[in-house]
Amino acid sequence: KITKEALEEAYERAHKLNLNVKGVLITNPSNPLGTSTTREE
C-alpha cells in the first residue's frame, strides 16, 4: 500500500537530487502486482 511516509520520502529524495516533481503516476490495478488502489490510498 502507498503510505504518506513513503510519498513524502520519495518527494524529498527527488528534491535532494535536484529534480522538480511534476506528478505521481500509478497503475490501477497495479502492474505488476495486480492489486487495486484502495479508497484510502
PDB file of all heavy atoms in Angstrom:
ATOM      1  N   LYS A   1       0.841  -1.196   0.000  1.00  0.00           N
ATOM      2  CA  LYS A   1       0.000   0.000   0.000  1.00  0.00           C
ATOM      3  C   LYS A   1       0.879   1.251   0.000  1.00  0.00           C
ATOM      4  O   LYS A   1       1.970   1.271   0.555  1.00  0.00           O
ATOM      5  CB  LYS A   1      -0.909   0.012   1.223  1.00  0.00           C
ATOM      6  CG  LYS A   1      -1.827  -1.188   1.305  1.00  0.00           C
ATOM      7  CD  LYS A   1      -3.249  -0.775   1.367  1.00  0.00           C
ATOM      8  CE  LYS A   1      -4.206  -1.921   1.475  1.00  0.00           C
ATOM      9  NZ  LYS A   1      -4.259  -2.810   0.366  1.00  0.00           N
ATOM     10  N   ILE A   2       0.372   2.293  -0.621  1.00  0.00           N
ATOM     11  CA  ILE A   2       1.062   3.582  -0.646  1.00  0.00           C
ATOM     12  C   ILE A   2       0.795   4.270   0.686  1.00  0.00           C
ATOM     13  O   ILE A   2      -0.358   4.386   1.115  1.00  0.00           O
ATOM     14  CB  ILE A   2       0.546   4.450  -1.810  1.00  0.00           C
ATOM     15  CG1 ILE A   2       0.762   3.739  -3.151  1.00  0.00           C
ATOM     16  CG2 ILE A   2       1.220   5.823  -1.798  1.00  0.00           C
ATOM     17  CD1 ILE A   2      -0.024   4.329  -4.301  1.00  0.00           C
ATOM     18  N   THR A   3       1.853   4.732   1.343  1.00  0.00           N
ATOM     19  CA  THR A   3       1.700   5.417   2.627  1.00  0.00           C
ATOM     20  C   THR A   3       2.134   6.875   2.500  1.00  0.00           C
ATOM     21  O   THR A   3       2.903   7.233   1.597  1.00  0.00           O
ATOM     22  CB  THR A   3       2.543   4.750   3.724  1.00  0.00           C
ATOM     23  OG1 THR A   3       3.931   4.893   3.390  1.00  0.00           O
ATOM     24  CG2 THR A   3       2.170   3.280   3.894  1.00  0.00           C
ATOM     25  N   LYS A   4       1.652   7.676   3.425  1.00  0.00           N
ATOM     26  CA  LYS A   4       2.028   9.092   3.459  1.00  0.00           C
ATOM     27  C   LYS A   4       3.544   9.228   3.632  1.00  0.00           C
ATOM     28  O   LYS A   4       4.180  10.052   2.978  1.00  0.00           O
ATOM     29  CB  LYS A   4       1.294   9.808   4.587  1.00  0.00           C
ATOM     30  CG  LYS A   4       1.606  11.283   4.671  1.00  0.00           C
ATOM     31  CD  LYS A   4       0.809  11.976   5.756  1.00  0.00           C
ATOM     32  CE  LYS A   4       1.131  13.459   5.748  1.00  0.00           C
ATOM     33  NZ  LYS A   4       0.403  14.181   6.791  1.00  0.00           N
ATOM     34  N   GLU A   5       4.113   8.393   4.497  1.00  0.00           N
ATOM     35  CA  GLU A   5       5.560   8.453   4.750  1.00  0.00           C
ATOM     36  C   GLU A   5       6.348   8.133   3.487  1.00  0.00           C
ATOM     37  O   GLU A   5       7.339   8.809   3.179  1.00  0.00           O
ATOM     38  CB  GLU A   5       5.934   7.471   5.868  1.00  0.00           C
ATOM     39  CG  GLU A   5       5.330   7.796   7.230  1.00  0.00           C
ATOM     40  CD  GLU A   5       3.846   7.433   7.359  1.00  0.00           C
ATOM     41  OE1 GLU A   5       3.361   6.561   6.614  1.00  0.00           O
ATOM     42  OE2 GLU A   5       3.178   8.059   8.200  1.00  0.00           O
ATOM     43  N   ALA A   6       5.911   7.116   2.745  1.00  0.00           N
ATOM     44  CA  ALA A   6       6.611   6.738   1.514  1.00  0.00           C
ATOM     45  C   ALA A   6       6.497   7.833   0.455  1.00  0.00           C
ATOM     46  O   ALA A   6       7.471   8.117  -0.261  1.00  0.00           O
ATOM     47  CB  ALA A   6       6.068   5.419   0.977  1.00  0.00           C
ATOM     48  N   LEU A   7       5.328   8.457   0.361  1.00  0.00           N
ATOM     49  CA  LEU A   7       5.137   9.564  -0.588  1.00  0.00           C
ATOM     50  C   LEU A   7       6.063  10.730  -0.257  1.00  0.00           C
ATOM     51  O   LEU A   7       6.754  11.263  -1.128  1.00  0.00           O
ATOM     52  CB  LEU A   7       3.694  10.060  -0.542  1.00  0.00           C
ATOM     53  CG  LEU A   7       2.674   9.432  -1.463  1.00  0.00           C
ATOM     54  CD1 LEU A   7       1.274   9.923  -1.115  1.00  0.00           C
ATOM     55  CD2 LEU A   7       2.993   9.729  -2.907  1.00  0.00           C
ATOM     56  N   GLU A   8       6.051  11.130   1.015  1.00  0.00           N
ATOM     57  CA  GLU A   8       6.884  12.262   1.439  1.00  0.00           C
ATOM     58  C   GLU A   8       8.372  11.956   1.247  1.00  0.00           C
ATOM     59  O   GLU A   8       9.135  12.824   0.816  1.00  0.00           O
ATOM     60  CB  GLU A   8       6.600  12.619   2.905  1.00  0.00           C
ATOM     61  CG  GLU A   8       5.229  13.186   3.155  1.00  0.00           C
ATOM     62  CD  GLU A   8       5.013  14.598   2.600  1.00  0.00           C
ATOM     63  OE1 GLU A   8       5.985  15.254   2.167  1.00  0.00           O
ATOM     64  OE2 GLU A   8       3.847  15.029   2.595  1.00  0.00           O
ATOM     65  N   GLU A   9       8.775  10.722   1.548  1.00  0.00           N
ATOM     66  CA  GLU A   9      10.175  10.337   1.401  1.00  0.00           C
ATOM     67  C   GLU A   9      10.602  10.400  -0.060  1.00  0.00           C
ATOM     68  O   GLU A   9      11.680  10.906  -0.380  1.00  0.00           O
ATOM     69  CB  GLU A   9      10.388   8.926   1.969  1.00  0.00           C
ATOM     70  CG  GLU A   9      11.836   8.523   2.128  1.00  0.00           C
ATOM     71  CD  GLU A   9      12.467   7.966   0.850  1.00  0.00           C
ATOM     72  OE1 GLU A   9      11.762   7.373   0.015  1.00  0.00           O
ATOM     73  OE2 GLU A   9      13.679   8.142   0.689  1.00  0.00           O
ATOM     74  N   ALA A  10       9.762   9.918  -0.969  1.00  0.00           N
ATOM     75  CA  ALA A  10      10.076   9.967  -2.400  1.00  0.00           C
ATOM     76  C   ALA A  10      10.159  11.409  -2.883  1.00  0.00           C
ATOM     77  O   ALA A  10      11.065  11.776  -3.654  1.00  0.00           O
ATOM     78  CB  ALA A  10       9.033   9.198  -3.207  1.00  0.00           C
ATOM     79  N   TYR A  11       9.248  12.249  -2.425  1.00  0.00           N
ATOM     80  CA  TYR A  11       9.236  13.662  -2.812  1.00  0.00           C
ATOM     81  C   TYR A  11      10.514  14.359  -2.343  1.00  0.00           C
ATOM     82  O   TYR A  11      11.161  15.079  -3.118  1.00  0.00           O
ATOM     83  CB  TYR A  11       7.989  14.341  -2.219  1.00  0.00           C
ATOM     84  CG  TYR A  11       7.738  15.723  -2.718  1.00  0.00           C
ATOM     85  CD1 TYR A  11       7.053  15.934  -3.903  1.00  0.00           C
ATOM     86  CD2 TYR A  11       8.152  16.834  -1.989  1.00  0.00           C
ATOM     87  CE1 TYR A  11       6.799  17.222  -4.364  1.00  0.00           C
ATOM     88  CE2 TYR A  11       7.906  18.122  -2.436  1.00  0.00           C
ATOM     89  CZ  TYR A  11       7.232  18.312  -3.628  1.00  0.00           C
ATOM     90  OH  TYR A  11       6.988  19.592  -4.081  1.00  0.00           O
ATOM     91  N   GLU A  12      10.893  14.102  -1.106  1.00  0.00           N
ATOM     92  CA  GLU A  12      12.123  14.702  -0.563  1.00  0.00           C
ATOM     93  C   GLU A  12      13.367  14.167  -1.273  1.00  0.00           C
ATOM     94  O   GLU A  12      14.307  14.925  -1.547  1.00  0.00           O
ATOM     95  CB  GLU A  12      12.217  14.464   0.944  1.00  0.00           C
ATOM     96  CG  GLU A  12      11.186  15.221   1.752  1.00  0.00           C
ATOM     97  CD  GLU A  12      11.208  16.727   1.480  1.00  0.00           C
ATOM     98  OE1 GLU A  12      12.305  17.315   1.410  1.00  0.00           O
ATOM     99  OE2 GLU A  12      10.112  17.307   1.319  1.00  0.00           O
ATOM    100  N   ARG A  13      13.383  12.866  -1.574  1.00  0.00           N
ATOM    101  CA  ARG A  13      14.516  12.272  -2.296  1.00  0.00           C
ATOM    102  C   ARG A  13      14.672  12.926  -3.667  1.00  0.00           C
ATOM    103  O   ARG A  13      15.786  13.239  -4.096  1.00  0.00           O
ATOM    104  CB  ARG A  13      14.317  10.755  -2.436  1.00  0.00           C
ATOM    105  CG  ARG A  13      15.545  10.024  -2.890  1.00  0.00           C
ATOM    106  CD  ARG A  13      15.481   8.500  -2.717  1.00  0.00           C
ATOM    107  NE  ARG A  13      14.215   7.951  -2.294  1.00  0.00           N
ATOM    108  CZ  ARG A  13      13.299   7.430  -3.123  1.00  0.00           C
ATOM    109  NH1 ARG A  13      13.528   7.366  -4.408  1.00  0.00           N
ATOM    110  NH2 ARG A  13      12.172   6.944  -2.645  1.00  0.00           N
ATOM    111  N   ALA A  14      13.565  13.170  -4.348  1.00  0.00           N
ATOM    112  CA  ALA A  14      13.614  13.844  -5.659  1.00  0.00           C
ATOM    113  C   ALA A  14      14.227  15.234  -5.526  1.00  0.00           C
ATOM    114  O   ALA A  14      15.084  15.624  -6.328  1.00  0.00           O
ATOM    115  CB  ALA A  14      12.216  13.927  -6.259  1.00  0.00           C
ATOM    116  N   HIS A  15      13.809  15.964  -4.515  1.00  0.00           N
ATOM    117  CA  HIS A  15      14.344  17.320  -4.332  1.00  0.00           C
ATOM    118  C   HIS A  15      15.831  17.298  -3.980  1.00  0.00           C
ATOM    119  O   HIS A  15      16.581  18.178  -4.418  1.00  0.00           O
ATOM    120  CB  HIS A  15      13.517  18.090  -3.303  1.00  0.00           C
ATOM    121  CG  HIS A  15      12.252  18.611  -3.905  1.00  0.00           C
ATOM    122  ND1 HIS A  15      12.183  19.762  -4.639  1.00  0.00           N
ATOM    123  CD2 HIS A  15      11.003  18.080  -3.923  1.00  0.00           C
ATOM    124  CE1 HIS A  15      10.957  19.951  -5.067  1.00  0.00           C
ATOM    125  NE2 HIS A  15      10.217  18.932  -4.654  1.00  0.00           N
ATOM    126  N   LYS A  16      16.270  16.296  -3.216  1.00  0.00           N
ATOM    127  CA  LYS A  16      17.700  16.175  -2.920  1.00  0.00           C
ATOM    128  C   LYS A  16      18.511  15.882  -4.176  1.00  0.00           C
ATOM    129  O   LYS A  16      19.700  16.197  -4.248  1.00  0.00           O
ATOM    130  CB  LYS A  16      17.938  15.089  -1.874  1.00  0.00           C
ATOM    131  CG  LYS A  16      17.525  15.507  -0.480  1.00  0.00           C
ATOM    132  CD  LYS A  16      17.753  14.407   0.532  1.00  0.00           C
ATOM    133  CE  LYS A  16      17.263  14.872   1.895  1.00  0.00           C
ATOM    134  NZ  LYS A  16      17.282  13.791   2.881  1.00  0.00           N
ATOM    135  N   LEU A  17      17.862  15.284  -5.172  1.00  0.00           N
ATOM    136  CA  LEU A  17      18.508  15.012  -6.463  1.00  0.00           C
ATOM    137  C   LEU A  17      18.327  16.174  -7.443  1.00  0.00           C
ATOM    138  O   LEU A  17      18.638  16.053  -8.621  1.00  0.00           O
ATOM    139  CB  LEU A  17      17.931  13.730  -7.076  1.00  0.00           C
ATOM    140  CG  LEU A  17      18.211  12.446  -6.312  1.00  0.00           C
ATOM    141  CD1 LEU A  17      17.372  11.294  -6.868  1.00  0.00           C
ATOM    142  CD2 LEU A  17      19.698  12.115  -6.361  1.00  0.00           C
ATOM    143  N   ASN A  18      17.804  17.305  -6.933  1.00  0.00           N
ATOM    144  CA  ASN A  18      17.537  18.495  -7.744  1.00  0.00           C
ATOM    145  C   ASN A  18      16.556  18.236  -8.879  1.00  0.00           C
ATOM    146  O   ASN A  18      16.685  18.779  -9.974  1.00  0.00           O
ATOM    147  CB  ASN A  18      18.842  19.101  -8.289  1.00  0.00           C
ATOM    148  CG  ASN A  18      19.698  19.657  -7.193  1.00  0.00           C
ATOM    149  OD1 ASN A  18      19.198  20.329  -6.284  1.00  0.00           O
ATOM    150  ND2 ASN A  18      20.983  19.363  -7.240  1.00  0.00           N
ATOM    151  N   LEU A  19      15.565  17.399  -8.602  1.00  0.00           N
ATOM    152  CA  LEU A  19      14.522  17.102  -9.572  1.00  0.00           C
ATOM    153  C   LEU A  19      13.247  17.842  -9.182  1.00  0.00           C
ATOM    154  O   LEU A  19      12.863  17.857  -8.010  1.00  0.00           O
ATOM    155  CB  LEU A  19      14.237  15.600  -9.620  1.00  0.00           C
ATOM    156  CG  LEU A  19      15.388  14.705 -10.062  1.00  0.00           C
ATOM    157  CD1 LEU A  19      15.030  13.239  -9.848  1.00  0.00           C
ATOM    158  CD2 LEU A  19      15.728  14.967 -11.527  1.00  0.00           C
ATOM    159  N   ASN A  20      12.614  18.451 -10.153  1.00  0.00           N
ATOM    160  CA  ASN A  20      11.340  19.117  -9.949  1.00  0.00           C
ATOM    161  C   ASN A  20      10.236  18.078 -10.138  1.00  0.00           C
ATOM    162  O   ASN A  20      10.042  17.566 -11.232  1.00  0.00           O
ATOM    163  CB  ASN A  20      11.194  20.257 -10.966  1.00  0.00           C
ATOM    164  CG  ASN A  20       9.907  21.028 -10.793  1.00  0.00           C
ATOM    165  OD1 ASN A  20       9.366  21.116  -9.701  1.00  0.00           O
ATOM    166  ND2 ASN A  20       9.410  21.569 -11.893  1.00  0.00           N
ATOM    167  N   VAL A  21       9.514  17.769  -9.077  1.00  0.00           N
ATOM    168  CA  VAL A  21       8.467  16.759  -9.144  1.00  0.00           C
ATOM    169  C   VAL A  21       7.236  17.365  -9.812  1.00  0.00           C
ATOM    170  O   VAL A  21       6.682  18.347  -9.343  1.00  0.00           O
ATOM    171  CB  VAL A  21       8.110  16.215  -7.748  1.00  0.00           C
ATOM    172  CG1 VAL A  21       6.951  15.219  -7.832  1.00  0.00           C
ATOM    173  CG2 VAL A  21       9.325  15.572  -7.093  1.00  0.00           C
ATOM    174  N   LYS A  22       6.822  16.752 -10.911  1.00  0.00           N
ATOM    175  CA  LYS A  22       5.665  17.228 -11.663  1.00  0.00           C
ATOM    176  C   LYS A  22       4.403  16.434 -11.378  1.00  0.00           C
ATOM    177  O   LYS A  22       3.314  16.878 -11.712  1.00  0.00           O
ATOM    178  CB  LYS A  22       5.960  17.186 -13.162  1.00  0.00           C
ATOM    179  CG  LYS A  22       7.096  18.099 -13.592  1.00  0.00           C
ATOM    180  CD  LYS A  22       6.823  19.543 -13.270  1.00  0.00           C
ATOM    181  CE  LYS A  22       5.940  20.142 -14.322  1.00  0.00           C
ATOM    182  NZ  LYS A  22       5.895  21.589 -14.339  1.00  0.00           N
ATOM    183  N   GLY A  23       4.557  15.228 -10.777  1.00  0.00           N
ATOM    184  CA  GLY A  23       3.351  14.470 -10.500  1.00  0.00           C
ATOM    185  C   GLY A  23       3.630  13.087  -9.954  1.00  0.00           C
ATOM    186  O   GLY A  23       4.773  12.682  -9.751  1.00  0.00           O
ATOM    187  N   VAL A  24       2.519  12.390  -9.730  1.00  0.00           N
ATOM    188  CA  VAL A  24       2.529  11.000  -9.297  1.00  0.00           C
ATOM    189  C   VAL A  24       1.795  10.206 -10.376  1.00  0.00           C
ATOM    190  O   VAL A  24       0.742  10.636 -10.857  1.00  0.00           O
ATOM    191  CB  VAL A  24       1.812  10.822  -7.945  1.00  0.00           C
ATOM    192  CG1 VAL A  24       1.716   9.354  -7.564  1.00  0.00           C
ATOM    193  CG2 VAL A  24       2.510  11.617  -6.850  1.00  0.00           C
ATOM    194  N   LEU A  25       2.356   9.064 -10.758  1.00  0.00           N
ATOM    195  CA  LEU A  25       1.708   8.182 -11.711  1.00  0.00           C
ATOM    196  C   LEU A  25       1.538   6.813 -11.063  1.00  0.00           C
ATOM    197  O   LEU A  25       2.504   6.262 -10.541  1.00  0.00           O
ATOM    198  CB  LEU A  25       2.527   8.050 -13.002  1.00  0.00           C
ATOM    199  CG  LEU A  25       1.875   7.223 -14.110  1.00  0.00           C
ATOM    200  CD1 LEU A  25       2.222   7.801 -15.471  1.00  0.00           C
ATOM    201  CD2 LEU A  25       2.295   5.768 -14.057  1.00  0.00           C
ATOM    202  N   ILE A  26       0.293   6.321 -11.066  1.00  0.00           N
ATOM    203  CA  ILE A  26       0.035   4.977 -10.557  1.00  0.00           C
ATOM    204  C   ILE A  26      -0.546   4.129 -11.681  1.00  0.00           C
ATOM    205  O   ILE A  26      -1.073   4.670 -12.660  1.00  0.00           O
ATOM    206  CB  ILE A  26      -0.932   4.974  -9.349  1.00  0.00           C
ATOM    207  CG1 ILE A  26      -2.328   5.486  -9.749  1.00  0.00           C
ATOM    208  CG2 ILE A  26      -0.353   5.784  -8.197  1.00  0.00           C
ATOM    209  CD1 ILE A  26      -3.399   5.257  -8.691  1.00  0.00           C
ATOM    210  N   THR A  27      -0.435   2.822 -11.545  1.00  0.00           N
ATOM    211  CA  THR A  27      -1.201   1.916 -12.389  1.00  0.00           C
ATOM    212  C   THR A  27      -2.260   1.288 -11.498  1.00  0.00           C
ATOM    213  O   THR A  27      -1.977   0.898 -10.362  1.00  0.00           O
ATOM    214  CB  THR A  27      -0.319   0.820 -13.025  1.00  0.00           C
ATOM    215  OG1 THR A  27       0.372   0.106 -12.017  1.00  0.00           O
ATOM    216  CG2 THR A  27       0.680   1.429 -13.996  1.00  0.00           C
ATOM    217  N   ASN A  28      -3.491   1.259 -11.992  1.00  0.00           N
ATOM    218  CA  ASN A  28      -4.600   0.752 -11.195  1.00  0.00           C
ATOM    219  C   ASN A  28      -5.519  -0.085 -12.061  1.00  0.00           C
ATOM    220  O   ASN A  28      -6.169   0.467 -12.935  1.00  0.00           O
ATOM    221  CB  ASN A  28      -5.369   1.915 -10.572  1.00  0.00           C
ATOM    222  CG  ASN A  28      -6.422   1.446  -9.606  1.00  0.00           C
ATOM    223  OD1 ASN A  28      -6.270   0.438  -8.938  1.00  0.00           O
ATOM    224  ND2 ASN A  28      -7.519   2.178  -9.542  1.00  0.00           N
ATOM    225  N   PRO A  29      -5.514  -1.406 -11.876  1.00  0.00           N
ATOM    226  CA  PRO A  29      -4.763  -2.146 -10.878  1.00  0.00           C
ATOM    227  C   PRO A  29      -3.269  -2.097 -11.148  1.00  0.00           C
ATOM    228  O   PRO A  29      -2.842  -1.806 -12.264  1.00  0.00           O
ATOM    229  CB  PRO A  29      -5.304  -3.577 -10.981  1.00  0.00           C
ATOM    230  CG  PRO A  29      -5.875  -3.669 -12.344  1.00  0.00           C
ATOM    231  CD  PRO A  29      -6.345  -2.299 -12.706  1.00  0.00           C
ATOM    232  N   SER A  30      -2.510  -2.392 -10.096  1.00  0.00           N
ATOM    233  CA  SER A  30      -1.062  -2.312 -10.158  1.00  0.00           C
ATOM    234  C   SER A  30      -0.497  -3.265 -11.208  1.00  0.00           C
ATOM    235  O   SER A  30      -0.916  -4.401 -11.322  1.00  0.00           O
ATOM    236  CB  SER A  30      -0.458  -2.671  -8.805  1.00  0.00           C
ATOM    237  OG  SER A  30       0.939  -2.870  -8.905  1.00  0.00           O
ATOM    238  N   ASN A  31       0.450  -2.758 -11.964  1.00  0.00           N
ATOM    239  CA  ASN A  31       1.264  -3.600 -12.825  1.00  0.00           C
ATOM    240  C   ASN A  31       2.667  -3.471 -12.257  1.00  0.00           C
ATOM    241  O   ASN A  31       3.231  -2.378 -12.309  1.00  0.00           O
ATOM    242  CB  ASN A  31       1.212  -3.111 -14.268  1.00  0.00           C
ATOM    243  CG  ASN A  31       2.031  -3.970 -15.206  1.00  0.00           C
ATOM    244  OD1 ASN A  31       2.647  -4.942 -14.790  1.00  0.00           O
ATOM    245  ND2 ASN A  31       2.047  -3.598 -16.467  1.00  0.00           N
ATOM    246  N   PRO A  32       3.172  -4.488 -11.586  1.00  0.00           N
ATOM    247  CA  PRO A  32       2.974  -5.915 -11.790  1.00  0.00           C
ATOM    248  C   PRO A  32       2.159  -6.643 -10.724  1.00  0.00           C
ATOM    249  O   PRO A  32       1.941  -7.851 -10.855  1.00  0.00           O
ATOM    250  CB  PRO A  32       4.405  -6.436 -11.752  1.00  0.00           C
ATOM    251  CG  PRO A  32       5.079  -5.579 -10.716  1.00  0.00           C
ATOM    252  CD  PRO A  32       4.448  -4.222 -10.879  1.00  0.00           C
ATOM    253  N   LEU A  33       1.711  -5.986  -9.674  1.00  0.00           N
ATOM    254  CA  LEU A  33       1.121  -6.706  -8.536  1.00  0.00           C
ATOM    255  C   LEU A  33      -0.310  -7.174  -8.760  1.00  0.00           C
ATOM    256  O   LEU A  33      -0.731  -8.159  -8.174  1.00  0.00           O
ATOM    257  CB  LEU A  33       1.188  -5.841  -7.275  1.00  0.00           C
ATOM    258  CG  LEU A  33       2.584  -5.435  -6.815  1.00  0.00           C
ATOM    259  CD1 LEU A  33       2.490  -4.439  -5.669  1.00  0.00           C
ATOM    260  CD2 LEU A  33       3.389  -6.652  -6.429  1.00  0.00           C
ATOM    261  N   GLY A  34      -1.082  -6.449  -9.553  1.00  0.00           N
ATOM    262  CA  GLY A  34      -2.477  -6.810  -9.773  1.00  0.00           C
ATOM    263  C   GLY A  34      -3.420  -6.352  -8.682  1.00  0.00           C
ATOM    264  O   GLY A  34      -4.614  -6.629  -8.732  1.00  0.00           O
ATOM    265  N   THR A  35      -2.920  -5.613  -7.701  1.00  0.00           N
ATOM    266  CA  THR A  35      -3.762  -5.114  -6.610  1.00  0.00           C
ATOM    267  C   THR A  35      -4.465  -3.827  -7.033  1.00  0.00           C
ATOM    268  O   THR A  35      -3.951  -3.068  -7.851  1.00  0.00           O
ATOM    269  CB  THR A  35      -2.916  -4.832  -5.355  1.00  0.00           C
ATOM    270  OG1 THR A  35      -1.861  -3.928  -5.710  1.00  0.00           O
ATOM    271  CG2 THR A  35      -2.323  -6.109  -4.795  1.00  0.00           C
ATOM    272  N   SER A  36      -5.638  -3.601  -6.478  1.00  0.00           N
ATOM    273  CA  SER A  36      -6.376  -2.370  -6.766  1.00  0.00           C
ATOM    274  C   SER A  36      -6.043  -1.311  -5.723  1.00  0.00           C
ATOM    275  O   SER A  36      -5.871  -1.627  -4.543  1.00  0.00           O
ATOM    276  CB  SER A  36      -7.886  -2.624  -6.738  1.00  0.00           C
ATOM    277  OG  SER A  36      -8.261  -3.465  -7.786  1.00  0.00           O
ATOM    278  N   THR A  37      -5.983  -0.077  -6.167  1.00  0.00           N
ATOM    279  CA  THR A  37      -5.749   1.039  -5.254  1.00  0.00           C
ATOM    280  C   THR A  37      -6.980   1.206  -4.375  1.00  0.00           C
ATOM    281  O   THR A  37      -8.107   1.222  -4.869  1.00  0.00           O
ATOM    282  CB  THR A  37      -5.479   2.324  -6.049  1.00  0.00           C
ATOM    283  OG1 THR A  37      -4.412   2.087  -6.973  1.00  0.00           O
ATOM    284  CG2 THR A  37      -5.107   3.480  -5.141  1.00  0.00           C
ATOM    285  N   THR A  38      -6.773   1.340  -3.072  1.00  0.00           N
ATOM    286  CA  THR A  38      -7.893   1.491  -2.143  1.00  0.00           C
ATOM    287  C   THR A  38      -8.391   2.935  -2.134  1.00  0.00           C
ATOM    288  O   THR A  38      -7.693   3.861  -2.561  1.00  0.00           O
ATOM    289  CB  THR A  38      -7.479   1.106  -0.713  1.00  0.00           C
ATOM    290  OG1 THR A  38      -6.488   2.040  -0.252  1.00  0.00           O
ATOM    291  CG2 THR A  38      -6.946  -0.322  -0.645  1.00  0.00           C
ATOM    292  N   ARG A  39      -9.592   3.116  -1.603  1.00  0.00           N
ATOM    293  CA  ARG A  39     -10.159   4.461  -1.450  1.00  0.00           C
ATOM    294  C   ARG A  39      -9.234   5.318  -0.589  1.00  0.00           C
ATOM    295  O   ARG A  39      -8.996   6.488  -0.883  1.00  0.00           O
ATOM    296  CB  ARG A  39     -11.545   4.358  -0.818  1.00  0.00           C
ATOM    297  CG  ARG A  39     -12.172   5.692  -0.410  1.00  0.00           C
ATOM    298  CD  ARG A  39     -12.466   6.565  -1.587  1.00  0.00           C
ATOM    299  NE  ARG A  39     -13.508   5.969  -2.378  1.00  0.00           N
ATOM    300  CZ  ARG A  39     -14.434   6.635  -3.033  1.00  0.00           C
ATOM    301  NH1 ARG A  39     -14.461   7.943  -2.971  1.00  0.00           N
ATOM    302  NH2 ARG A  39     -15.329   6.013  -3.748  1.00  0.00           N
ATOM    303  N   GLU A  40      -8.680   4.723   0.473  1.00  0.00           N
ATOM    304  CA  GLU A  40      -7.780   5.462   1.366  1.00  0.00           C
ATOM    305  C   GLU A  40      -6.517   5.907   0.622  1.00  0.00           C
ATOM    306  O   GLU A  40      -6.054   7.041   0.808  1.00  0.00           O
ATOM    307  CB  GLU A  40      -7.404   4.603   2.573  1.00  0.00           C
ATOM    308  CG  GLU A  40      -8.552   4.306   3.515  1.00  0.00           C
ATOM    309  CD  GLU A  40      -9.521   3.219   3.015  1.00  0.00           C
ATOM    310  OE1 GLU A  40      -9.124   2.391   2.154  1.00  0.00           O
ATOM    311  OE2 GLU A  40     -10.674   3.213   3.467  1.00  0.00           O
ATOM    312  N   GLU A  41      -5.968   5.029  -0.207  1.00  0.00           N
ATOM    313  CA  GLU A  41      -4.789   5.398  -0.984  1.00  0.00           C
ATOM    314  C   GLU A  41      -5.119   6.510  -1.975  1.00  0.00           C
ATOM    315  O   GLU A  41      -4.332   7.451  -2.142  1.00  0.00           O
ATOM    316  CB  GLU A  41      -4.227   4.194  -1.733  1.00  0.00           C
ATOM    317  CG  GLU A  41      -3.542   3.179  -0.845  1.00  0.00           C
ATOM    318  CD  GLU A  41      -3.165   1.939  -1.619  1.00  0.00           C
ATOM    319  OE1 GLU A  41      -4.089   1.196  -2.047  1.00  0.00           O
ATOM    320  OE2 GLU A  41      -1.959   1.715  -1.821  1.00  0.00           O
TER     321      GLU A  41
END
